[in-house]
Amino acid sequence: MKFVEMTGRTLKEILTEEEARKGELEAAGVTDETIVRVNEHGDIEIRRPDRWDIIGGLLGGFEDRIRRRTGMEWA
C-alpha cells in the first residue's frame, strides 16, 4: 500500500471539521512532531515505537489537500 508521511502539525492543517473532533488526535497521542501517514484510502496511521496504529480516517477530496499541503505523491 502507498502512503504519504507527514507530521502531526501538517495533518491537523489538512483535516476538516468533519474528520476530527476536538481532542481526538491528542487522545491518540498525536502531537505537532508526531510522525503520521495517510494511505490512498484515507486511513490515518500513527508511528509507535514498534508498529503503526490506525487512528482515524479522512473523507473525500483528501488527495488534493495532501498534495497541495505536502507537495508529495503516494509512495
C-alpha atoms as a PDB file:
ATOM      1  CA  MET A   1       0.000   0.000   0.000  1.00  0.00           C
ATOM      2  CA  LYS A   2       1.177   3.538  -0.731  1.00  0.00           C
ATOM      3  CA  PHE A   3       1.336   6.348   1.832  1.00  0.00           C
ATOM      4  CA  VAL A   4       2.230   9.986   2.358  1.00  0.00           C
ATOM      5  CA  GLU A   5       4.078  10.644   5.612  1.00  0.00           C
ATOM      6  CA  MET A   6       3.813  13.935   7.479  1.00  0.00           C
ATOM      7  CA  THR A   7       3.976  15.455  10.920  1.00  0.00           C
ATOM      8  CA  GLY A   8       1.021  15.766  13.247  1.00  0.00           C
ATOM      9  CA  ARG A   9       1.104  19.526  12.656  1.00  0.00           C
ATOM     10  CA  THR A  10       0.627  19.051   8.905  1.00  0.00           C
ATOM     11  CA  LEU A  11      -2.148  16.521   9.456  1.00  0.00           C
ATOM     12  CA  LYS A  12      -4.013  18.997  11.673  1.00  0.00           C
ATOM     13  CA  GLU A  13      -3.802  21.589   8.871  1.00  0.00           C
ATOM     14  CA  ILE A  14      -5.264  19.131   6.342  1.00  0.00           C
ATOM     15  CA  LEU A  15      -8.175  17.863   8.448  1.00  0.00           C
ATOM     16  CA  THR A  16     -11.683  19.221   8.045  1.00  0.00           C
ATOM     17  CA  GLU A  17     -14.140  19.675  10.911  1.00  0.00           C
ATOM     18  CA  GLU A  18     -15.996  16.508   9.890  1.00  0.00           C
ATOM     19  CA  GLU A  19     -12.811  14.434  10.059  1.00  0.00           C
ATOM     20  CA  ALA A  20     -11.551  15.315  13.528  1.00  0.00           C
ATOM     21  CA  ARG A  21     -13.336  16.121  16.715  1.00  0.00           C
ATOM     22  CA  LYS A  22     -11.676  18.246  19.343  1.00  0.00           C
ATOM     23  CA  GLY A  23      -9.187  16.223  21.352  1.00  0.00           C
ATOM     24  CA  GLU A  24      -9.314  13.029  19.280  1.00  0.00           C
ATOM     25  CA  LEU A  25      -5.830  13.390  17.826  1.00  0.00           C
ATOM     26  CA  GLU A  26      -4.331  14.298  21.171  1.00  0.00           C
ATOM     27  CA  ALA A  27      -6.084  11.323  22.801  1.00  0.00           C
ATOM     28  CA  ALA A  28      -4.487   9.080  20.154  1.00  0.00           C
ATOM     29  CA  GLY A  29      -1.056  10.518  21.005  1.00  0.00           C
ATOM     30  CA  VAL A  30      -0.637  12.898  18.058  1.00  0.00           C
ATOM     31  CA  THR A  31       1.488  15.976  18.769  1.00  0.00           C
ATOM     32  CA  ASP A  32       2.850  18.511  16.289  1.00  0.00           C
ATOM     33  CA  GLU A  33       6.067  16.467  15.999  1.00  0.00           C
ATOM     34  CA  THR A  34       4.461  13.009  15.733  1.00  0.00           C
ATOM     35  CA  ILE A  35       5.072  11.083  12.505  1.00  0.00           C
ATOM     36  CA  VAL A  36       1.830  10.015  10.855  1.00  0.00           C
ATOM     37  CA  ARG A  37       0.972   8.643   7.457  1.00  0.00           C
ATOM     38  CA  VAL A  38      -2.140   8.508   5.294  1.00  0.00           C
ATOM     39  CA  ASN A  39      -2.792   5.758   2.782  1.00  0.00           C
ATOM     40  CA  GLU A  40      -4.650   6.066  -0.515  1.00  0.00           C
ATOM     41  CA  HIS A  41      -7.894   5.035   1.203  1.00  0.00           C
ATOM     42  CA  GLY A  42      -7.622   7.893   3.709  1.00  0.00           C
ATOM     43  CA  ASP A  43      -6.651   5.808   6.739  1.00  0.00           C
ATOM     44  CA  ILE A  44      -4.538   7.801   9.224  1.00  0.00           C
ATOM     45  CA  GLU A  45      -1.805   5.851  10.997  1.00  0.00           C
ATOM     46  CA  ILE A  46       0.456   6.975  13.836  1.00  0.00           C
ATOM     47  CA  ARG A  47       4.036   5.773  14.247  1.00  0.00           C
ATOM     48  CA  ARG A  48       4.537   3.927  17.515  1.00  0.00           C
ATOM     49  CA  PRO A  49       7.946   2.665  18.683  1.00  0.00           C
ATOM     50  CA  ASP A  50       7.349  -0.809  17.238  1.00  0.00           C
ATOM     51  CA  ARG A  51       4.377  -0.520  14.861  1.00  0.00           C
ATOM     52  CA  TRP A  52       1.895   1.691  13.013  1.00  0.00           C
ATOM     53  CA  ASP A  53      -1.620   2.087  14.505  1.00  0.00           C
ATOM     54  CA  ILE A  54      -4.715   3.250  12.612  1.00  0.00           C
ATOM     55  CA  ILE A  55      -6.246   6.194  14.489  1.00  0.00           C
ATOM     56  CA  GLY A  56      -8.844   7.551  12.079  1.00  0.00           C
ATOM     57  CA  GLY A  57      -9.613   8.453   8.525  1.00  0.00           C
ATOM     58  CA  LEU A  58     -10.017  11.265   6.047  1.00  0.00           C
ATOM     59  CA  LEU A  59     -13.110  11.913   3.963  1.00  0.00           C
ATOM     60  CA  GLY A  60     -13.487  12.731   0.249  1.00  0.00           C
ATOM     61  CA  GLY A  61     -11.165  15.112  -1.522  1.00  0.00           C
ATOM     62  CA  PHE A  62      -8.246  14.463   0.812  1.00  0.00           C
ATOM     63  CA  GLU A  63      -5.890  13.536  -2.040  1.00  0.00           C
ATOM     64  CA  ASP A  64      -5.731  17.105  -3.346  1.00  0.00           C
ATOM     65  CA  ARG A  65      -5.447  18.552   0.162  1.00  0.00           C
ATOM     66  CA  ILE A  66      -2.485  16.275   0.902  1.00  0.00           C
ATOM     67  CA  ARG A  67      -0.722  17.050  -2.378  1.00  0.00           C
ATOM     68  CA  ARG A  68      -1.205  20.801  -2.009  1.00  0.00           C
ATOM     69  CA  ARG A  69      -0.037  20.905   1.618  1.00  0.00           C
ATOM     70  CA  THR A  70       2.860  18.420   1.465  1.00  0.00           C
ATOM     71  CA  GLY A  71       3.928  18.569  -2.188  1.00  0.00           C
ATOM     72  CA  MET A  72       4.240  14.767  -2.066  1.00  0.00           C
ATOM     73  CA  GLU A  73       2.806  11.906  -4.052  1.00  0.00           C
ATOM     74  CA  TRP A  74       1.867   8.448  -2.782  1.00  0.00           C
ATOM     75  CA  ALA A  75       4.922   6.246  -2.299  1.00  0.00           C
END
